[in-house]
C-alpha atoms as a PDB file:
ATOM      1  CA  UNK A   1      -8.270  -4.816  18.488  1.00  0.00           C
ATOM      2  CA  UNK A   2      -9.374  -7.572  16.146  1.00  0.00           C
ATOM      3  CA  UNK A   3     -10.230  -7.147  12.492  1.00  0.00           C
ATOM      4  CA  UNK A   4     -13.862  -8.135  13.010  1.00  0.00           C
ATOM      5  CA  UNK A   5     -14.348  -5.055  15.217  1.00  0.00           C
ATOM      6  CA  UNK A   6     -13.546  -2.762  12.301  1.00  0.00           C
ATOM      7  CA  UNK A   7     -14.331  -0.142  11.475  1.00  0.00           C
ATOM      8  CA  UNK A   8     -14.418   1.517  14.886  1.00  0.00           C
ATOM      9  CA  UNK A   9     -17.072   4.229  15.167  1.00  0.00           C
ATOM     10  CA  UNK A  10     -16.225   6.836  17.794  1.00  0.00           C
ATOM     11  CA  UNK A  11     -18.733   9.667  18.166  1.00  0.00           C
ATOM     12  CA  UNK A  12     -17.366  11.681  21.102  1.00  0.00           C
ATOM     13  CA  UNK A  13     -14.075  13.158  22.254  1.00  0.00           C
ATOM     14  CA  UNK A  14     -13.997  10.632  25.145  1.00  0.00           C
ATOM     15  CA  UNK A  15     -14.357   7.726  22.710  1.00  0.00           C
ATOM     16  CA  UNK A  16     -11.534   9.115  20.560  1.00  0.00           C
ATOM     17  CA  UNK A  17      -9.291   9.424  23.625  1.00  0.00           C
ATOM     18  CA  UNK A  18      -9.868   5.722  24.414  1.00  0.00           C
ATOM     19  CA  UNK A  19      -8.502   4.845  20.965  1.00  0.00           C
ATOM     20  CA  UNK A  20      -5.166   6.640  21.483  1.00  0.00           C
ATOM     21  CA  UNK A  21      -2.319   4.156  21.132  1.00  0.00           C
ATOM     22  CA  UNK A  22      -4.460   1.379  19.674  1.00  0.00           C
ATOM     23  CA  UNK A  23      -3.495  -0.118  16.341  1.00  0.00           C
ATOM     24  CA  UNK A  24      -6.372  -0.468  13.916  1.00  0.00           C
ATOM     25  CA  UNK A  25      -6.144  -2.939  11.080  1.00  0.00           C
ATOM     26  CA  UNK A  26      -4.835  -4.185   8.880  1.00  0.00           C
ATOM     27  CA  UNK A  27      -7.117  -3.297   5.998  1.00  0.00           C
ATOM     28  CA  UNK A  28      -7.940  -5.564   3.076  1.00  0.00           C
ATOM     29  CA  UNK A  29      -5.193  -5.996   0.489  1.00  0.00           C
ATOM     30  CA  UNK A  30      -5.239  -3.608  -2.494  1.00  0.00           C
ATOM     31  CA  UNK A  31      -3.781  -4.648  -5.862  1.00  0.00           C
ATOM     32  CA  UNK A  32      -1.349  -2.249  -7.528  1.00  0.00           C
ATOM     33  CA  UNK A  33      -1.934  -2.728 -11.259  1.00  0.00           C
ATOM     34  CA  UNK A  34      -0.421  -0.907 -14.208  1.00  0.00           C
ATOM     35  CA  UNK A  35      -3.912   0.320 -15.088  1.00  0.00           C
ATOM     36  CA  UNK A  36      -4.254   1.981 -11.679  1.00  0.00           C
ATOM     37  CA  UNK A  37      -0.769   3.490 -11.931  1.00  0.00           C
ATOM     38  CA  UNK A  38      -1.594   4.832 -15.399  1.00  0.00           C
ATOM     39  CA  UNK A  39      -4.901   6.289 -14.173  1.00  0.00           C
ATOM     40  CA  UNK A  40      -3.036   8.105 -11.380  1.00  0.00           C
ATOM     41  CA  UNK A  41      -0.508   9.395 -13.916  1.00  0.00           C
ATOM     42  CA  UNK A  42      -3.376  10.711 -16.056  1.00  0.00           C
ATOM     43  CA  UNK A  43      -5.109  12.355 -13.094  1.00  0.00           C
ATOM     44  CA  UNK A  44      -1.926  14.101 -11.915  1.00  0.00           C
ATOM     45  CA  UNK A  45      -0.148  14.559 -15.246  1.00  0.00           C
ATOM     46  CA  UNK A  46       2.880  12.772 -13.747  1.00  0.00           C
ATOM     47  CA  UNK A  47       4.047  10.513 -16.569  1.00  0.00           C
ATOM     48  CA  UNK A  48       7.595   9.857 -15.326  1.00  0.00           C
ATOM     49  CA  UNK A  49       8.851   6.747 -17.140  1.00  0.00           C
ATOM     50  CA  UNK A  50       9.516   4.649 -14.010  1.00  0.00           C
ATOM     51  CA  UNK A  51       5.738   4.688 -13.463  1.00  0.00           C
ATOM     52  CA  UNK A  52       4.292   4.401 -16.966  1.00  0.00           C
ATOM     53  CA  UNK A  53       6.873   2.786 -19.294  1.00  0.00           C
ATOM     54  CA  UNK A  54       7.048  -0.950 -18.469  1.00  0.00           C
ATOM     55  CA  UNK A  55       9.640  -1.669 -21.153  1.00  0.00           C
ATOM     56  CA  UNK A  56      12.092   0.993 -20.008  1.00  0.00           C
ATOM     57  CA  UNK A  57      11.415   0.282 -16.327  1.00  0.00           C
ATOM     58  CA  UNK A  58      12.160  -3.426 -16.861  1.00  0.00           C
ATOM     59  CA  UNK A  59      15.775  -2.525 -17.648  1.00  0.00           C
ATOM     60  CA  UNK A  60      16.086  -0.237 -14.602  1.00  0.00           C
ATOM     61  CA  UNK A  61      17.543  -1.362 -11.258  1.00  0.00           C
ATOM     62  CA  UNK A  62      13.954  -1.681  -9.976  1.00  0.00           C
ATOM     63  CA  UNK A  63      13.062  -4.185 -12.699  1.00  0.00           C
ATOM     64  CA  UNK A  64       9.524  -2.936 -13.300  1.00  0.00           C
ATOM     65  CA  UNK A  65       7.327   0.112 -13.094  1.00  0.00           C
ATOM     66  CA  UNK A  66       6.510   1.335  -9.609  1.00  0.00           C
ATOM     67  CA  UNK A  67       3.551   3.198  -8.170  1.00  0.00           C
ATOM     68  CA  UNK A  68       3.956   6.914  -7.555  1.00  0.00           C
ATOM     69  CA  UNK A  69       4.657   7.645  -3.897  1.00  0.00           C
ATOM     70  CA  UNK A  70       1.728  10.045  -3.914  1.00  0.00           C
ATOM     71  CA  UNK A  71      -0.492   7.306  -5.370  1.00  0.00           C
ATOM     72  CA  UNK A  72       0.393   5.136  -2.381  1.00  0.00           C
ATOM     73  CA  UNK A  73      -0.295   8.039  -0.015  1.00  0.00           C
ATOM     74  CA  UNK A  74      -3.609   8.764  -1.732  1.00  0.00           C
ATOM     75  CA  UNK A  75      -4.849   5.335  -0.669  1.00  0.00           C
ATOM     76  CA  UNK A  76      -4.876   6.598   2.943  1.00  0.00           C
ATOM     77  CA  UNK A  77      -8.493   7.807   2.933  1.00  0.00           C
ATOM     78  CA  UNK A  78      -9.756   4.599   1.291  1.00  0.00           C
ATOM     79  CA  UNK A  79      -7.904   2.486   3.815  1.00  0.00           C
ATOM     80  CA  UNK A  80      -8.945   4.727   6.709  1.00  0.00           C
ATOM     81  CA  UNK A  81     -12.629   4.137   5.885  1.00  0.00           C
ATOM     82  CA  UNK A  82     -12.011   0.430   6.448  1.00  0.00           C
ATOM     83  CA  UNK A  83     -10.587   1.153   9.903  1.00  0.00           C
ATOM     84  CA  UNK A  84     -12.474   4.090  11.420  1.00  0.00           C
ATOM     85  CA  UNK A  85     -15.714   5.942  10.682  1.00  0.00           C
ATOM     86  CA  UNK A  86     -16.416   9.459  11.885  1.00  0.00           C
ATOM     87  CA  UNK A  87     -20.097   9.313  10.854  1.00  0.00           C
ATOM     88  CA  UNK A  88     -21.101   9.652  14.515  1.00  0.00           C
ATOM     89  CA  UNK A  89     -19.836  13.231  14.404  1.00  0.00           C
ATOM     90  CA  UNK A  90     -21.647  16.244  12.960  1.00  0.00           C
ATOM     91  CA  UNK A  91     -18.948  16.396  10.283  1.00  0.00           C
ATOM     92  CA  UNK A  92     -15.334  15.501   9.612  1.00  0.00           C
ATOM     93  CA  UNK A  93     -12.693  16.518   7.134  1.00  0.00           C
ATOM     94  CA  UNK A  94      -9.183  15.661   6.101  1.00  0.00           C
ATOM     95  CA  UNK A  95      -6.957  18.443   7.455  1.00  0.00           C
ATOM     96  CA  UNK A  96      -3.688  17.206   5.972  1.00  0.00           C
ATOM     97  CA  UNK A  97      -0.624  15.073   6.596  1.00  0.00           C
ATOM     98  CA  UNK A  98       2.538  15.440   8.660  1.00  0.00           C
ATOM     99  CA  UNK A  99       5.805  13.496   8.417  1.00  0.00           C
ATOM    100  CA  UNK A 100       5.178  11.713   5.113  1.00  0.00           C
ATOM    101  CA  UNK A 101       7.861   9.280   3.946  1.00  0.00           C
ATOM    102  CA  UNK A 102       8.104   6.620   1.216  1.00  0.00           C
ATOM    103  CA  UNK A 103      10.694   4.161   2.611  1.00  0.00           C
ATOM    104  CA  UNK A 104      10.349   1.556  -0.159  1.00  0.00           C
ATOM    105  CA  UNK A 105       9.061   1.364  -3.740  1.00  0.00           C
ATOM    106  CA  UNK A 106       5.807  -0.343  -4.747  1.00  0.00           C
ATOM    107  CA  UNK A 107       6.427  -2.453  -7.869  1.00  0.00           C
ATOM    108  CA  UNK A 108       3.538  -3.095 -10.234  1.00  0.00           C
ATOM    109  CA  UNK A 109       1.802  -6.326  -9.244  1.00  0.00           C
ATOM    110  CA  UNK A 110       2.220  -5.649  -5.518  1.00  0.00           C
ATOM    111  CA  UNK A 111      -0.497  -5.832  -2.907  1.00  0.00           C
ATOM    112  CA  UNK A 112      -0.589  -3.203  -0.163  1.00  0.00           C
ATOM    113  CA  UNK A 113      -2.616  -2.646   2.993  1.00  0.00           C
ATOM    114  CA  UNK A 114      -2.591  -0.232   5.908  1.00  0.00           C
ATOM    115  CA  UNK A 115      -2.481  -0.241   9.678  1.00  0.00           C
ATOM    116  CA  UNK A 116      -3.251   2.917  11.634  1.00  0.00           C
ATOM    117  CA  UNK A 117      -2.814   4.066  15.199  1.00  0.00           C
ATOM    118  CA  UNK A 118      -4.618   6.990  16.778  1.00  0.00           C
ATOM    119  CA  UNK A 119      -1.767   9.188  18.018  1.00  0.00           C
ATOM    120  CA  UNK A 120      -3.731  12.039  19.580  1.00  0.00           C
ATOM    121  CA  UNK A 121      -7.113  13.690  19.931  1.00  0.00           C
ATOM    122  CA  UNK A 122      -7.048  17.342  20.921  1.00  0.00           C
ATOM    123  CA  UNK A 123      -9.986  19.619  21.569  1.00  0.00           C
ATOM    124  CA  UNK A 124      -9.633  22.886  19.660  1.00  0.00           C
ATOM    125  CA  UNK A 125     -11.978  25.819  19.165  1.00  0.00           C
ATOM    126  CA  UNK A 126     -14.651  24.530  16.802  1.00  0.00           C
ATOM    127  CA  UNK A 127     -13.816  20.838  17.003  1.00  0.00           C
ATOM    128  CA  UNK A 128     -11.375  18.044  17.647  1.00  0.00           C
ATOM    129  CA  UNK A 129      -8.096  17.424  15.850  1.00  0.00           C
ATOM    130  CA  UNK A 130      -7.256  13.742  15.432  1.00  0.00           C
ATOM    131  CA  UNK A 131      -3.792  12.562  14.407  1.00  0.00           C
ATOM    132  CA  UNK A 132      -3.275   9.025  13.163  1.00  0.00           C
ATOM    133  CA  UNK A 133      -0.088   7.209  12.263  1.00  0.00           C
ATOM    134  CA  UNK A 134      -0.607   5.398   8.962  1.00  0.00           C
ATOM    135  CA  UNK A 135       1.718   2.617   7.841  1.00  0.00           C
ATOM    136  CA  UNK A 136       1.181   1.099   4.413  1.00  0.00           C
ATOM    137  CA  UNK A 137       2.897  -2.240   3.960  1.00  0.00           C
ATOM    138  CA  UNK A 138       3.607  -4.286   0.845  1.00  0.00           C
ATOM    139  CA  UNK A 139       2.958  -8.004   0.896  1.00  0.00           C
ATOM    140  CA  UNK A 140       6.239  -9.901   1.222  1.00  0.00           C
ATOM    141  CA  UNK A 141       8.298  -6.869   2.236  1.00  0.00           C
ATOM    142  CA  UNK A 142       9.750  -6.121   5.662  1.00  0.00           C
ATOM    143  CA  UNK A 143       9.913  -2.398   4.906  1.00  0.00           C
ATOM    144  CA  UNK A 144       6.814  -0.165   4.816  1.00  0.00           C
ATOM    145  CA  UNK A 145       6.047   1.724   1.604  1.00  0.00           C
ATOM    146  CA  UNK A 146       4.364   4.728   3.256  1.00  0.00           C
ATOM    147  CA  UNK A 147       4.703   6.095   6.766  1.00  0.00           C
ATOM    148  CA  UNK A 148       2.592   9.184   7.414  1.00  0.00           C
ATOM    149  CA  UNK A 149       0.720  11.029  10.101  1.00  0.00           C
ATOM    150  CA  UNK A 150      -2.758  12.045   8.958  1.00  0.00           C
ATOM    151  CA  UNK A 151      -4.589  14.948  10.553  1.00  0.00           C
ATOM    152  CA  UNK A 152      -8.379  15.117  10.619  1.00  0.00           C
ATOM    153  CA  UNK A 153     -10.825  17.569  12.143  1.00  0.00           C
ATOM    154  CA  UNK A 154     -14.157  16.379  13.548  1.00  0.00           C
ATOM    155  CA  UNK A 155     -17.030  18.195  15.221  1.00  0.00           C
ATOM    156  CA  UNK A 156     -19.220  16.515  17.828  1.00  0.00           C
ATOM    157  CA  UNK A 157     -22.977  16.538  17.334  1.00  0.00           C
ATOM    158  CA  UNK A 158     -24.719  19.004  19.630  1.00  0.00           C
END
């Protein structure tokens, strides 16, 4: 799938099934700034020094502040909207995440983006459950910064 075909817009179970195994993306790059890290710290009341104290973090083994792992994970919906739209369905909602890992830190000043793969689409009473593998990568790094499996529920229009 090429980037100019994004976002994909499935509107039926059959169209979701055709996407299984296909990688979508990557998304546009997203800048990780200290201002964004601080805003996340304020929103979550997580002010651990490695995230919000540049002076102290500079003398740590990491050499700078880093984004919260949950901040990186929270970019999943924003990135997903760049890759796939469920607006052809009656409604959709985020049902959660499975298998979340943060294999590498995200230093301030990094740029990250995401690739996603539809893992499964399963018809359930009341709708369809869609699982997607999400991999967030940092520019210049061989190791991903987030690996997660998102779970969404969608309902076909009648």
